[in-house]
Every structure is written in C-alpha cells, then in structure tokens.
C-alpha atoms as a PDB file:
ATOM      1  CA  UNK A   1     115.186 175.217  67.155  1.00  0.00           C
ATOM      2  CA  UNK A   2     112.533 174.176  69.646  1.00  0.00           C
ATOM      3  CA  UNK A   3     109.064 175.591  69.125  1.00  0.00           C
ATOM      4  CA  UNK A   4     106.872 176.733  71.982  1.00  0.00           C
ATOM      5  CA  UNK A   5     103.684 174.686  72.036  1.00  0.00           C
ATOM      6  CA  UNK A   6     100.394 176.595  71.976  1.00  0.00           C
ATOM      7  CA  UNK A   7      98.065 176.137  74.944  1.00  0.00           C
ATOM      8  CA  UNK A   8      94.402 177.029  74.471  1.00  0.00           C
ATOM      9  CA  UNK A   9      93.036 179.911  76.521  1.00  0.00           C
ATOM     10  CA  UNK A  10      90.457 178.382  78.856  1.00  0.00           C
ATOM     11  CA  UNK A  11      88.566 180.554  81.339  1.00  0.00           C
ATOM     12  CA  UNK A  12      87.882 179.504  84.910  1.00  0.00           C
ATOM     13  CA  UNK A  13      85.629 180.572  87.746  1.00  0.00           C
ATOM     14  CA  UNK A  14      84.709 179.746  91.317  1.00  0.00           C
ATOM     15  CA  UNK A  15      81.260 180.185  92.855  1.00  0.00           C
ATOM     16  CA  UNK A  16      80.529 179.782  96.557  1.00  0.00           C
ATOM     17  CA  UNK A  17      76.956 179.821  97.858  1.00  0.00           C
ATOM     18  CA  UNK A  18      76.673 180.488 101.596  1.00  0.00           C
ATOM     19  CA  UNK A  19      80.163 179.057 102.016  1.00  0.00           C
ATOM     20  CA  UNK A  20      79.610 175.924  99.917  1.00  0.00           C
ATOM     21  CA  UNK A  21      81.681 175.541  96.739  1.00  0.00           C
ATOM     22  CA  UNK A  22      79.261 174.954  93.841  1.00  0.00           C
ATOM     23  CA  UNK A  23      81.796 175.346  91.027  1.00  0.00           C
ATOM     24  CA  UNK A  24      81.796 171.668  90.052  1.00  0.00           C
ATOM     25  CA  UNK A  25      77.977 171.586  89.908  1.00  0.00           C
ATOM     26  CA  UNK A  26      77.697 174.871  87.993  1.00  0.00           C
ATOM     27  CA  UNK A  27      80.482 174.224  85.452  1.00  0.00           C
ATOM     28  CA  UNK A  28      78.689 171.743  83.132  1.00  0.00           C
ATOM     29  CA  UNK A  29      75.453 173.743  83.374  1.00  0.00           C
ATOM     30  CA  UNK A  30      76.743 177.297  83.055  1.00  0.00           C
ATOM     31  CA  UNK A  31      75.152 179.264  80.203  1.00  0.00           C
ATOM     32  CA  UNK A  32      76.597 182.623  81.214  1.00  0.00           C
ATOM     33  CA  UNK A  33      77.999 184.565  84.152  1.00  0.00           C
ATOM     34  CA  UNK A  34      78.089 188.350  83.825  1.00  0.00           C
ATOM     35  CA  UNK A  35      79.623 190.688  86.377  1.00  0.00           C
ATOM     36  CA  UNK A  36      79.217 194.452  86.049  1.00  0.00           C
ATOM     37  CA  UNK A  37      81.503 196.471  88.301  1.00  0.00           C
ATOM     38  CA  UNK A  38      80.574 200.091  88.829  1.00  0.00           C
ATOM     39  CA  UNK A  39      82.063 203.119  90.444  1.00  0.00           C
ATOM     40  CA  UNK A  40      81.460 203.426  94.191  1.00  0.00           C
ATOM     41  CA  UNK A  41      77.960 204.354  95.288  1.00  0.00           C
ATOM     42  CA  UNK A  42      76.382 201.958  92.797  1.00  0.00           C
ATOM     43  CA  UNK A  43      76.221 198.278  93.629  1.00  0.00           C
ATOM     44  CA  UNK A  44      78.113 195.800  91.446  1.00  0.00           C
ATOM     45  CA  UNK A  45      75.734 193.349  89.776  1.00  0.00           C
ATOM     46  CA  UNK A  46      76.149 189.628  89.120  1.00  0.00           C
ATOM     47  CA  UNK A  47      73.906 187.651  86.722  1.00  0.00           C
ATOM     48  CA  UNK A  48      74.254 183.870  86.477  1.00  0.00           C
ATOM     49  CA  UNK A  49      72.246 181.722  84.031  1.00  0.00           C
ATOM     50  CA  UNK A  50      72.223 177.945  84.656  1.00  0.00           C
ATOM     51  CA  UNK A  51      70.834 175.096  82.539  1.00  0.00           C
ATOM     52  CA  UNK A  52      68.070 173.239  84.400  1.00  0.00           C
ATOM     53  CA  UNK A  53      66.698 171.184  81.509  1.00  0.00           C
ATOM     54  CA  UNK A  54      66.780 168.043  83.660  1.00  0.00           C
ATOM     55  CA  UNK A  55      65.088 169.782  86.600  1.00  0.00           C
ATOM     56  CA  UNK A  56      67.777 168.731  89.076  1.00  0.00           C
ATOM     57  CA  UNK A  57      69.007 172.175  90.162  1.00  0.00           C
ATOM     58  CA  UNK A  58      67.549 173.722  93.308  1.00  0.00           C
ATOM     59  CA  UNK A  59      66.555 177.376  93.318  1.00  0.00           C
ATOM     60  CA  UNK A  60      68.750 179.456  95.654  1.00  0.00           C
ATOM     61  CA  UNK A  61      66.945 181.434  98.309  1.00  0.00           C
ATOM     62  CA  UNK A  62      66.688 185.195  98.118  1.00  0.00           C
ATOM     63  CA  UNK A  63      69.239 186.654 100.513  1.00  0.00           C
ATOM     64  CA  UNK A  64      71.782 183.880  99.952  1.00  0.00           C
ATOM     65  CA  UNK A  65      75.388 185.020  99.626  1.00  0.00           C
ATOM     66  CA  UNK A  66      77.407 184.304  96.488  1.00  0.00           C
ATOM     67  CA  UNK A  67      81.188 184.681  96.331  1.00  0.00           C
ATOM     68  CA  UNK A  68      82.747 184.794  92.872  1.00  0.00           C
ATOM     69  CA  UNK A  69      86.258 184.575  91.414  1.00  0.00           C
ATOM     70  CA  UNK A  70      87.109 184.877  87.701  1.00  0.00           C
ATOM     71  CA  UNK A  71      90.214 184.211  85.667  1.00  0.00           C
ATOM     72  CA  UNK A  72      91.939 181.735  83.419  1.00  0.00           C
ATOM     73  CA  UNK A  73      92.665 178.028  83.927  1.00  0.00           C
ATOM     74  CA  UNK A  74      95.281 177.892  81.165  1.00  0.00           C
ATOM     75  CA  UNK A  75      96.470 179.614  78.027  1.00  0.00           C
ATOM     76  CA  UNK A  76      99.527 180.776  76.115  1.00  0.00           C
ATOM     77  CA  UNK A  77      98.218 184.351  75.958  1.00  0.00           C
ATOM     78  CA  UNK A  78      96.942 184.767  79.510  1.00  0.00           C
ATOM     79  CA  UNK A  79      98.163 184.563  83.093  1.00  0.00           C
ATOM     80  CA  UNK A  80      96.480 181.557  84.749  1.00  0.00           C
ATOM     81  CA  UNK A  81      94.808 182.129  88.097  1.00  0.00           C
ATOM     82  CA  UNK A  82      91.611 183.372  89.694  1.00  0.00           C
ATOM     83  CA  UNK A  83      90.869 186.914  90.859  1.00  0.00           C
ATOM     84  CA  UNK A  84      88.456 187.342  93.753  1.00  0.00           C
ATOM     85  CA  UNK A  85      85.595 189.606  92.668  1.00  0.00           C
ATOM     86  CA  UNK A  86      83.830 189.819  96.020  1.00  0.00           C
ATOM     87  CA  UNK A  87      80.554 188.737  97.589  1.00  0.00           C
ATOM     88  CA  UNK A  88      77.010 189.302  96.385  1.00  0.00           C
ATOM     89  CA  UNK A  89      73.548 188.888  97.888  1.00  0.00           C
ATOM     90  CA  UNK A  90      70.906 187.121  95.793  1.00  0.00           C
ATOM     91  CA  UNK A  91      67.921 189.435  95.377  1.00  0.00           C
ATOM     92  CA  UNK A  92      66.162 187.918  92.351  1.00  0.00           C
ATOM     93  CA  UNK A  93      65.705 184.345  91.116  1.00  0.00           C
ATOM     94  CA  UNK A  94      63.833 183.376  87.944  1.00  0.00           C
ATOM     95  CA  UNK A  95      62.976 180.034  86.299  1.00  0.00           C
ATOM     96  CA  UNK A  96      61.840 179.880  82.687  1.00  0.00           C
ATOM     97  CA  UNK A  97      61.724 177.559  79.707  1.00  0.00           C
ATOM     98  CA  UNK A  98      61.680 175.357  77.832  1.00  0.00           C
ATOM     99  CA  UNK A  99      64.490 174.642  77.762  1.00  0.00           C
ATOM    100  CA  UNK A 100      64.392 175.203  81.500  1.00  0.00           C
ATOM    101  CA  UNK A 101      66.973 177.516  83.002  1.00  0.00           C
ATOM    102  CA  UNK A 102      67.595 179.391  86.234  1.00  0.00           C
ATOM    103  CA  UNK A 103      68.603 183.049  86.267  1.00  0.00           C
ATOM    104  CA  UNK A 104      70.162 184.406  89.449  1.00  0.00           C
ATOM    105  CA  UNK A 105      70.654 188.128  89.964  1.00  0.00           C
ATOM    106  CA  UNK A 106      72.716 189.329  92.892  1.00  0.00           C
ATOM    107  CA  UNK A 107      74.210 192.649  93.989  1.00  0.00           C
ATOM    108  CA  UNK A 108      77.305 193.559  95.952  1.00  0.00           C
ATOM    109  CA  UNK A 109      76.939 192.329  99.505  1.00  0.00           C
ATOM    110  CA  UNK A 110      79.144 194.736 101.428  1.00  0.00           C
ATOM    111  CA  UNK A 111      76.425 197.328 102.011  1.00  0.00           C
ATOM    112  CA  UNK A 112      73.436 195.739 103.706  1.00  0.00           C
ATOM    113  CA  UNK A 113      69.827 196.893 103.472  1.00  0.00           C
ATOM    114  CA  UNK A 114      70.500 198.940 106.588  1.00  0.00           C
ATOM    115  CA  UNK A 115      72.608 201.211 104.397  1.00  0.00           C
ATOM    116  CA  UNK A 116      69.509 202.157 102.435  1.00  0.00           C
ATOM    117  CA  UNK A 117      67.254 202.720 105.450  1.00  0.00           C
ATOM    118  CA  UNK A 118      66.329 206.381 105.748  1.00  0.00           C
ATOM    119  CA  UNK A 119      67.690 208.177 108.768  1.00  0.00           C
ATOM    120  CA  UNK A 120      67.454 211.536 110.520  1.00  0.00           C
ATOM    121  CA  UNK A 121      70.731 212.874 111.881  1.00  0.00           C
ATOM    122  CA  UNK A 122      72.833 216.022 111.889  1.00  0.00           C
ATOM    123  CA  UNK A 123      76.470 216.860 112.581  1.00  0.00           C
ATOM    124  CA  UNK A 124      77.969 220.161 113.750  1.00  0.00           C
ATOM    125  CA  UNK A 125      81.551 221.419 113.941  1.00  0.00           C
ATOM    126  CA  UNK A 126      83.114 218.155 112.809  1.00  0.00           C
ATOM    127  CA  UNK A 127      85.175 216.798 109.915  1.00  0.00           C
ATOM    128  CA  UNK A 128      84.389 214.788 106.816  1.00  0.00           C
ATOM    129  CA  UNK A 129      86.587 212.003 108.174  1.00  0.00           C
ATOM    130  CA  UNK A 130      84.594 211.778 111.406  1.00  0.00           C
ATOM    131  CA  UNK A 131      81.298 211.571 109.501  1.00  0.00           C
ATOM    132  CA  UNK A 132      82.475 208.877 107.082  1.00  0.00           C
ATOM    133  CA  UNK A 133      84.026 206.917 109.967  1.00  0.00           C
ATOM    134  CA  UNK A 134      80.754 206.995 111.901  1.00  0.00           C
ATOM    135  CA  UNK A 135      78.820 205.777 108.858  1.00  0.00           C
ATOM    136  CA  UNK A 136      81.345 202.990 108.254  1.00  0.00           C
ATOM    137  CA  UNK A 137      81.194 201.799 111.853  1.00  0.00           C
ATOM    138  CA  UNK A 138      77.405 201.900 111.794  1.00  0.00           C
ATOM    139  CA  UNK A 139      77.495 199.576 108.777  1.00  0.00           C
ATOM    140  CA  UNK A 140      80.134 197.305 110.355  1.00  0.00           C
ATOM    141  CA  UNK A 141      82.750 198.417 107.817  1.00  0.00           C
ATOM    142  CA  UNK A 142      86.381 199.391 108.339  1.00  0.00           C
ATOM    143  CA  UNK A 143      86.914 203.020 107.261  1.00  0.00           C
ATOM    144  CA  UNK A 144      89.765 204.037 104.937  1.00  0.00           C
ATOM    145  CA  UNK A 145      89.589 207.765 104.189  1.00  0.00           C
ATOM    146  CA  UNK A 146      92.099 209.791 102.192  1.00  0.00           C
ATOM    147  CA  UNK A 147      93.864 212.163 104.646  1.00  0.00           C
ATOM    148  CA  UNK A 148      93.192 215.202 102.453  1.00  0.00           C
ATOM    149  CA  UNK A 149      89.467 214.448 102.622  1.00  0.00           C
ATOM    150  CA  UNK A 150      89.376 213.319 106.248  1.00  0.00           C
ATOM    151  CA  UNK A 151      90.647 216.696 107.477  1.00  0.00           C
ATOM    152  CA  UNK A 152      88.003 218.790 105.686  1.00  0.00           C
ATOM    153  CA  UNK A 153      85.994 220.782 108.210  1.00  0.00           C
ATOM    154  CA  UNK A 154      82.214 220.358 108.136  1.00  0.00           C
ATOM    155  CA  UNK A 155      80.428 223.151 110.051  1.00  0.00           C
ATOM    156  CA  UNK A 156      77.023 221.523 109.583  1.00  0.00           C
ATOM    157  CA  UNK A 157      75.588 218.526 107.746  1.00  0.00           C
ATOM    158  CA  UNK A 158      72.016 217.236 107.814  1.00  0.00           C
ATOM    159  CA  UNK A 159      70.907 213.726 106.914  1.00  0.00           C
ATOM    160  CA  UNK A 160      67.157 214.070 106.420  1.00  0.00           C
ATOM    161  CA  UNK A 161      65.187 211.001 105.338  1.00  0.00           C
ATOM    162  CA  UNK A 162      68.297 209.785 103.579  1.00  0.00           C
ATOM    163  CA  UNK A 163      70.050 206.417 103.759  1.00  0.00           C
ATOM    164  CA  UNK A 164      73.737 206.102 104.592  1.00  0.00           C
ATOM    165  CA  UNK A 165      74.504 204.969 101.046  1.00  0.00           C
ATOM    166  CA  UNK A 166      72.694 207.981  99.562  1.00  0.00           C
ATOM    167  CA  UNK A 167      74.521 210.299 101.962  1.00  0.00           C
ATOM    168  CA  UNK A 168      77.897 208.865 100.920  1.00  0.00           C
ATOM    169  CA  UNK A 169      77.006 209.411  97.265  1.00  0.00           C
ATOM    170  CA  UNK A 170      76.063 213.014  98.045  1.00  0.00           C
ATOM    171  CA  UNK A 171      79.288 213.614  99.953  1.00  0.00           C
ATOM    172  CA  UNK A 172      81.177 212.104  97.027  1.00  0.00           C
ATOM    173  CA  UNK A 173      79.541 214.467  94.549  1.00  0.00           C
ATOM    174  CA  UNK A 174      80.245 217.475  96.746  1.00  0.00           C
ATOM    175  CA  UNK A 175      83.936 216.618  97.069  1.00  0.00           C
ATOM    176  CA  UNK A 176      84.585 214.999  93.644  1.00  0.00           C
ATOM    177  CA  UNK A 177      85.234 211.790  95.547  1.00  0.00           C
ATOM    178  CA  UNK A 178      83.941 208.243  95.479  1.00  0.00           C
ATOM    179  CA  UNK A 179      82.878 205.894  98.242  1.00  0.00           C
ATOM    180  CA  UNK A 180      83.925 202.342  97.362  1.00  0.00           C
ATOM    181  CA  UNK A 181      82.893 199.397  99.509  1.00  0.00           C
ATOM    182  CA  UNK A 182      85.065 196.323  99.050  1.00  0.00           C
ATOM    183  CA  UNK A 183      86.042 193.398 101.264  1.00  0.00           C
ATOM    184  CA  UNK A 184      84.405 194.853 104.371  1.00  0.00           C
ATOM    185  CA  UNK A 185      86.136 198.224 103.976  1.00  0.00           C
ATOM    186  CA  UNK A 186      84.687 201.621 103.141  1.00  0.00           C
ATOM    187  CA  UNK A 187      87.178 203.571 101.026  1.00  0.00           C
ATOM    188  CA  UNK A 188      86.493 207.281 100.578  1.00  0.00           C
ATOM    189  CA  UNK A 189      88.951 208.871  98.161  1.00  0.00           C
ATOM    190  CA  UNK A 190      89.192 211.376  95.347  1.00  0.00           C
ATOM    191  CA  UNK A 191      87.987 210.073  91.985  1.00  0.00           C
ATOM    192  CA  UNK A 192      91.011 208.651  90.221  1.00  0.00           C
ATOM    193  CA  UNK A 193      93.055 208.271  93.400  1.00  0.00           C
ATOM    194  CA  UNK A 194      93.240 204.543  92.675  1.00  0.00           C
ATOM    195  CA  UNK A 195      93.693 202.865  96.054  1.00  0.00           C
ATOM    196  CA  UNK A 196      93.091 199.282  97.157  1.00  0.00           C
ATOM    197  CA  UNK A 197      90.879 198.211 100.046  1.00  0.00           C
ATOM    198  CA  UNK A 198      93.976 198.355 102.274  1.00  0.00           C
ATOM    199  CA  UNK A 199      94.810 201.868 101.075  1.00  0.00           C
ATOM    200  CA  UNK A 200      97.731 200.990  98.780  1.00  0.00           C
ATOM    201  CA  UNK A 201      98.037 202.656  95.384  1.00  0.00           C
ATOM    202  CA  UNK A 202      96.739 200.563  92.482  1.00  0.00           C
ATOM    203  CA  UNK A 203      99.404 200.381  89.748  1.00  0.00           C
ATOM    204  CA  UNK A 204      98.522 201.762  86.327  1.00  0.00           C
ATOM    205  CA  UNK A 205      97.807 199.020  83.770  1.00  0.00           C
ATOM    206  CA  UNK A 206      98.826 199.141  80.103  1.00  0.00           C
ATOM    207  CA  UNK A 207      96.506 198.258  77.219  1.00  0.00           C
ATOM    208  CA  UNK A 208      97.925 197.896  73.685  1.00  0.00           C
ATOM    209  CA  UNK A 209      95.895 198.173  70.505  1.00  0.00           C
ATOM    210  CA  UNK A 210      96.656 194.551  69.611  1.00  0.00           C
ATOM    211  CA  UNK A 211      95.130 193.449  72.942  1.00  0.00           C
ATOM    212  CA  UNK A 212      91.633 194.487  71.872  1.00  0.00           C
ATOM    213  CA  UNK A 213      88.923 193.376  69.465  1.00  0.00           C
ATOM    214  CA  UNK A 214      87.148 196.717  69.299  1.00  0.00           C
ATOM    215  CA  UNK A 215      87.336 200.242  70.635  1.00  0.00           C
ATOM    216  CA  UNK A 216      85.206 203.370  70.532  1.00  0.00           C
ATOM    217  CA  UNK A 217      86.531 206.865  71.238  1.00  0.00           C
ATOM    218  CA  UNK A 218      84.208 209.870  71.534  1.00  0.00           C
ATOM    219  CA  UNK A 219      84.859 213.537  72.136  1.00  0.00           C
ATOM    220  CA  UNK A 220      81.996 215.692  73.339  1.00  0.00           C
ATOM    221  CA  UNK A 221      81.808 219.386  72.633  1.00  0.00           C
ATOM    222  CA  UNK A 222      84.076 220.848  75.279  1.00  0.00           C
ATOM    223  CA  UNK A 223      82.485 223.176  77.784  1.00  0.00           C
ATOM    224  CA  UNK A 224      84.471 226.345  77.343  1.00  0.00           C
ATOM    225  CA  UNK A 225      83.781 227.507  80.883  1.00  0.00           C
ATOM    226  CA  UNK A 226      86.972 228.428  82.701  1.00  0.00           C
ATOM    227  CA  UNK A 227      85.414 228.115  86.141  1.00  0.00           C
ATOM    228  CA  UNK A 228      82.342 227.147  88.150  1.00  0.00           C
ATOM    229  CA  UNK A 229      80.443 229.581  90.379  1.00  0.00           C
ATOM    230  CA  UNK A 230      78.278 228.629  93.358  1.00  0.00           C
ATOM    231  CA  UNK A 231      76.084 230.844  95.540  1.00  0.00           C
ATOM    232  CA  UNK A 232      75.832 230.662  99.308  1.00  0.00           C
ATOM    233  CA  UNK A 233      73.500 232.326 101.783  1.00  0.00           C
ATOM    234  CA  UNK A 234      74.940 234.266 104.695  1.00  0.00           C
ATOM    235  CA  UNK A 235      72.372 233.967 107.459  1.00  0.00           C
ATOM    236  CA  UNK A 236      74.028 236.655 109.576  1.00  0.00           C
ATOM    237  CA  UNK A 237      73.631 239.353 106.932  1.00  0.00           C
ATOM    238  CA  UNK A 238      70.703 237.718 105.100  1.00  0.00           C
ATOM    239  CA  UNK A 239      72.611 238.214 101.844  1.00  0.00           C
ATOM    240  CA  UNK A 240      73.654 235.932  99.026  1.00  0.00           C
ATOM    241  CA  UNK A 241      77.321 235.676  98.028  1.00  0.00           C
ATOM    242  CA  UNK A 242      79.212 233.822  95.291  1.00  0.00           C
ATOM    243  CA  UNK A 243      82.475 231.894  95.065  1.00  0.00           C
ATOM    244  CA  UNK A 244      84.241 230.656  91.931  1.00  0.00           C
ATOM    245  CA  UNK A 245      86.456 227.609  91.419  1.00  0.00           C
ATOM    246  CA  UNK A 246      88.882 227.918  88.534  1.00  0.00           C
ATOM    247  CA  UNK A 247      89.493 231.197  86.754  1.00  0.00           C
ATOM    248  CA  UNK A 248      87.166 234.096  86.129  1.00  0.00           C
ATOM    249  CA  UNK A 249      85.924 234.726  82.638  1.00  0.00           C
ATOM    250  CA  UNK A 250      83.398 232.336  81.188  1.00  0.00           C
ATOM    251  CA  UNK A 251      81.967 230.527  84.200  1.00  0.00           C
ATOM    252  CA  UNK A 252      79.209 227.987  84.731  1.00  0.00           C
ATOM    253  CA  UNK A 253      76.825 228.626  87.629  1.00  0.00           C
ATOM    254  CA  UNK A 254      75.362 225.942  89.876  1.00  0.00           C
ATOM    255  CA  UNK A 255      71.620 226.157  90.523  1.00  0.00           C
ATOM    256  CA  UNK A 256      71.754 225.231  94.197  1.00  0.00           C
ATOM    257  CA  UNK A 257      72.289 227.862  96.913  1.00  0.00           C
ATOM    258  CA  UNK A 258      74.567 226.494  99.654  1.00  0.00           C
ATOM    259  CA  UNK A 259      74.428 227.071 103.385  1.00  0.00           C
ATOM    260  CA  UNK A 260      78.011 228.300 103.772  1.00  0.00           C
ATOM    261  CA  UNK A 261      80.914 229.680 101.776  1.00  0.00           C
ATOM    262  CA  UNK A 262      82.901 226.516 102.450  1.00  0.00           C
ATOM    263  CA  UNK A 263      80.126 224.251 101.114  1.00  0.00           C
ATOM    264  CA  UNK A 264      79.717 226.410  97.999  1.00  0.00           C
ATOM    265  CA  UNK A 265      83.445 226.412  97.291  1.00  0.00           C
ATOM    266  CA  UNK A 266      83.697 222.624  97.619  1.00  0.00           C
ATOM    267  CA  UNK A 267      80.696 222.088  95.336  1.00  0.00           C
ATOM    268  CA  UNK A 268      82.156 224.402  92.702  1.00  0.00           C
ATOM    269  CA  UNK A 269      85.523 222.651  92.849  1.00  0.00           C
ATOM    270  CA  UNK A 270      83.897 219.226  92.551  1.00  0.00           C
ATOM    271  CA  UNK A 271      81.874 220.299  89.518  1.00  0.00           C
ATOM    272  CA  UNK A 272      84.983 221.756  87.899  1.00  0.00           C
ATOM    273  CA  UNK A 273      86.714 218.388  88.326  1.00  0.00           C
ATOM    274  CA  UNK A 274      83.779 216.526  86.768  1.00  0.00           C
ATOM    275  CA  UNK A 275      83.675 218.916  83.820  1.00  0.00           C
ATOM    276  CA  UNK A 276      87.351 218.301  83.114  1.00  0.00           C
ATOM    277  CA  UNK A 277      86.718 214.541  82.747  1.00  0.00           C
ATOM    278  CA  UNK A 278      83.508 214.750  80.735  1.00  0.00           C
ATOM    279  CA  UNK A 279      84.580 215.564  77.134  1.00  0.00           C
ATOM    280  CA  UNK A 280      86.478 212.334  76.282  1.00  0.00           C
ATOM    281  CA  UNK A 281      85.365 208.739  76.690  1.00  0.00           C
ATOM    282  CA  UNK A 282      86.844 205.454  75.518  1.00  0.00           C
ATOM    283  CA  UNK A 283      85.295 201.984  75.356  1.00  0.00           C
ATOM    284  CA  UNK A 284      87.593 198.970  75.012  1.00  0.00           C
ATOM    285  CA  UNK A 285      86.794 195.316  74.344  1.00  0.00           C
ATOM    286  CA  UNK A 286      89.886 193.180  75.090  1.00  0.00           C
ATOM    287  CA  UNK A 287      90.294 190.134  72.871  1.00  0.00           C
ATOM    288  CA  UNK A 288      90.775 188.114  76.075  1.00  0.00           C
ATOM    289  CA  UNK A 289      88.917 188.896  79.296  1.00  0.00           C
ATOM    290  CA  UNK A 290      90.716 191.025  81.869  1.00  0.00           C
ATOM    291  CA  UNK A 291      89.101 190.467  85.298  1.00  0.00           C
ATOM    292  CA  UNK A 292      92.138 192.213  86.828  1.00  0.00           C
ATOM    293  CA  UNK A 293      90.814 195.525  85.448  1.00  0.00           C
ATOM    294  CA  UNK A 294      88.189 197.252  87.561  1.00  0.00           C
ATOM    295  CA  UNK A 295      86.723 200.723  88.218  1.00  0.00           C
ATOM    296  CA  UNK A 296      89.060 203.429  89.537  1.00  0.00           C
ATOM    297  CA  UNK A 297      92.133 201.757  88.044  1.00  0.00           C
ATOM    298  CA  UNK A 298      94.164 203.937  85.691  1.00  0.00           C
ATOM    299  CA  UNK A 299      94.945 202.658  82.232  1.00  0.00           C
ATOM    300  CA  UNK A 300      97.661 203.686  79.787  1.00  0.00           C
ATOM    301  CA  UNK A 301      96.730 202.888  76.189  1.00  0.00           C
ATOM    302  CA  UNK A 302      99.248 202.368  73.379  1.00  0.00           C
ATOM    303  CA  UNK A 303      98.887 202.094  69.613  1.00  0.00           C
ATOM    304  CA  UNK A 304      95.750 204.167  69.057  1.00  0.00           C
ATOM    305  CA  UNK A 305      95.516 207.710  67.684  1.00  0.00           C
ATOM    306  CA  UNK A 306      98.014 210.114  69.243  1.00  0.00           C
ATOM    307  CA  UNK A 307      95.217 212.012  71.032  1.00  0.00           C
ATOM    308  CA  UNK A 308      94.033 208.781  72.656  1.00  0.00           C
ATOM    309  CA  UNK A 309      97.500 207.559  73.646  1.00  0.00           C
ATOM    310  CA  UNK A 310      98.378 210.945  75.150  1.00  0.00           C
ATOM    311  CA  UNK A 311      95.527 210.799  77.671  1.00  0.00           C
ATOM    312  CA  UNK A 312      95.592 209.218  81.109  1.00  0.00           C
ATOM    313  CA  UNK A 313      92.491 207.034  81.341  1.00  0.00           C
ATOM    314  CA  UNK A 314      90.400 205.977  84.321  1.00  0.00           C
ATOM    315  CA  UNK A 315      88.129 202.917  84.313  1.00  0.00           C
ATOM    316  CA  UNK A 316      84.599 204.003  85.219  1.00  0.00           C
ATOM    317  CA  UNK A 317      82.826 200.671  84.615  1.00  0.00           C
ATOM    318  CA  UNK A 318      83.926 197.121  83.782  1.00  0.00           C
ATOM    319  CA  UNK A 319      81.792 194.201  82.599  1.00  0.00           C
ATOM    320  CA  UNK A 320      83.150 190.631  82.539  1.00  0.00           C
ATOM    321  CA  UNK A 321      81.201 187.824  80.841  1.00  0.00           C
ATOM    322  CA  UNK A 322      81.986 184.131  81.099  1.00  0.00           C
ATOM    323  CA  UNK A 323      80.203 181.631  78.860  1.00  0.00           C
ATOM    324  CA  UNK A 324      79.768 177.900  79.204  1.00  0.00           C
ATOM    325  CA  UNK A 325      82.377 177.136  76.537  1.00  0.00           C
ATOM    326  CA  UNK A 326      85.391 178.418  78.444  1.00  0.00           C
ATOM    327  CA  UNK A 327      85.394 181.938  76.995  1.00  0.00           C
ATOM    328  CA  UNK A 328      85.838 185.125  79.033  1.00  0.00           C
ATOM    329  CA  UNK A 329      85.386 188.626  77.589  1.00  0.00           C
ATOM    330  CA  UNK A 330      85.459 192.088  79.147  1.00  0.00           C
ATOM    331  CA  UNK A 331      84.133 195.509  78.196  1.00  0.00           C
ATOM    332  CA  UNK A 332      85.716 198.596  79.729  1.00  0.00           C
ATOM    333  CA  UNK A 333      84.235 202.081  79.870  1.00  0.00           C
ATOM    334  CA  UNK A 334      86.896 204.718  80.521  1.00  0.00           C
ATOM    335  CA  UNK A 335      86.936 208.469  80.998  1.00  0.00           C
ATOM    336  CA  UNK A 336      89.835 210.849  80.675  1.00  0.00           C
ATOM    337  CA  UNK A 337      91.522 211.200  84.073  1.00  0.00           C
END
C-alpha cells in the first residue's frame, strides 16, 4: 500500500512597497511580521521587523504604502496559497541595535488622514444610508450599506468637531453596527452580519479542537437585566420620556438623554445587543496559522465543552504572526454571536 509522503508546512508572504515587490529582499532578512486585524472603526496594524546587521537596507519613508499577503507555500496540513490582507500606510520607522534592525509600523490605508480631520456638519430629515453614502464618497470609498440600516430615518444628526471616522464609530454604536473599510469599500452592516467587501455573505468557518494549540474560554457574570431603558427629551412639551428595548422587569438605564424617541429607542436596542454578546469570550490559538480567518467572520467550534460547542462565535480580533523560519501562527479573539 502506497504511503502519502509528508510535506513540511512552510509559510509564505508577499510585501509590496509603493508598487514594488520587495518579497525577495525581505525574505532572508525577515525577523517577524505581525498583522493585527480589528473590528471596523479601528485601524488594522502591521509591524515588520527586518535584519539590517549589514547596513544595506534602506529605511522606508513615512507615508509609503505597503501591501501584504499571507499564507502557505507548501504543506501536508495546509492549503497552499496567499491571502491578500490589504494595504497599509507606514507611519512609524525605527532603527536600533546592535544587532541592527529596522522596525516598520503601518496602519490600514483605506481611511486617509482626511477621515480623522474634524468637521462641522448637520443633516436633517434624511436616512442613515444617505449619511453613510455621503461620508464614503467624501473619502473616495464605494459605499455598501445593509438595506435594513440604509432605510433608517434620521430626523437630525450633528457632526460637531468630529472626524468622519469618529462619526462612523458613533453611528455604529448607536445601531449595533460596524463600519468596515476594505479594498476601497465602506461596508456598514450589523455586527455579525458577516459580509464581504462586495456585499456577499461570508461563509461560517469550522474550527476543531485538534486544530488548536491552546484555547481560553471565559464566562462573565451575566447581566440579569431583561431590557435597556433610554431617556429622550421632548422639546415641544419640555418633558423627559423613556423607551425600553427588550422586556420590562429588571432594566438597565443609559446615562445619556437623547434628542428624540427614535434616537433613544435605537440606542437602547444597540446596547441590548451588546449586552447579549458580552458574557462569553473565547480565545483560540490554531496550531497552524489561519490568515483566512478575520474579524466579523462566524466560527463554529467542535470538540470543546458542550457549552462552547453550542455557541455561535464571531471573530472580534485576529492576529497573524510570521517569523523568519517559515512559521505562521494566529491568535483569534471571539465573542458569542
């Protein structure tokens, strides 16, 4: 009976700097490459450490654009191929030693500095979709907004000394949604909706106990509140009113007083959604790196305790680390979906 030969698992990467492929130059010098992918509203971060003991490597300029792909070159236990992880702008370069080395820190490039510039603007009698579309177009991004969110009426919204990125984060919190900026597209969807940059549904991945080196499961004391209450101020009657998301009984109250009943109701609903995800968290460390796993992708786990397997999990943060010896590892932070 023929035996299947074992092929070593060897990681691979590609690095482009301002359109020039530097992979061949980086490969023999690479000490580490670490990519941390975060939920929308927070920029992904890339850290690259390069050996410069012979002094022959040039320092990249701040503002240069790095494009990175990660994956596997070969291996009996992996699927060979590279996965594009996006573009990053270099915002910090360090040189230290001996032995001399260069450390490059870059952050996701899709939202430019203009997205952080503070602005003064207001909208009246519009929709959430129209606001997000205007922000996307202002940042030269293609908008992709979930229909259920796009149709939400917005009687009034003020952007006061607030950048576009900060405003998107605020809108996300108010609607239990997330603004994700990938490949030149601004995706605004409910947390856990799991859609690609083109709007297609991301398939749920499966993670088996034997696939991992370590795991950590924690359960926080569950908030026994059955609902969330928010106050709003009625300018016509000069009176304060309350609305509750969920069921009456033991409710949690938000500190902020909102400008309308609609805004208060949405804030209460968003907080109720966050509270439902908070009590259970799971950290996974795959034995072999999984650059195909990223934030907002759902994960089904198998082979753990029954309480863990029974949950639907959502990736909140993913870190991928490549070393100079051909190894690739990942760490996944998940929350109950």
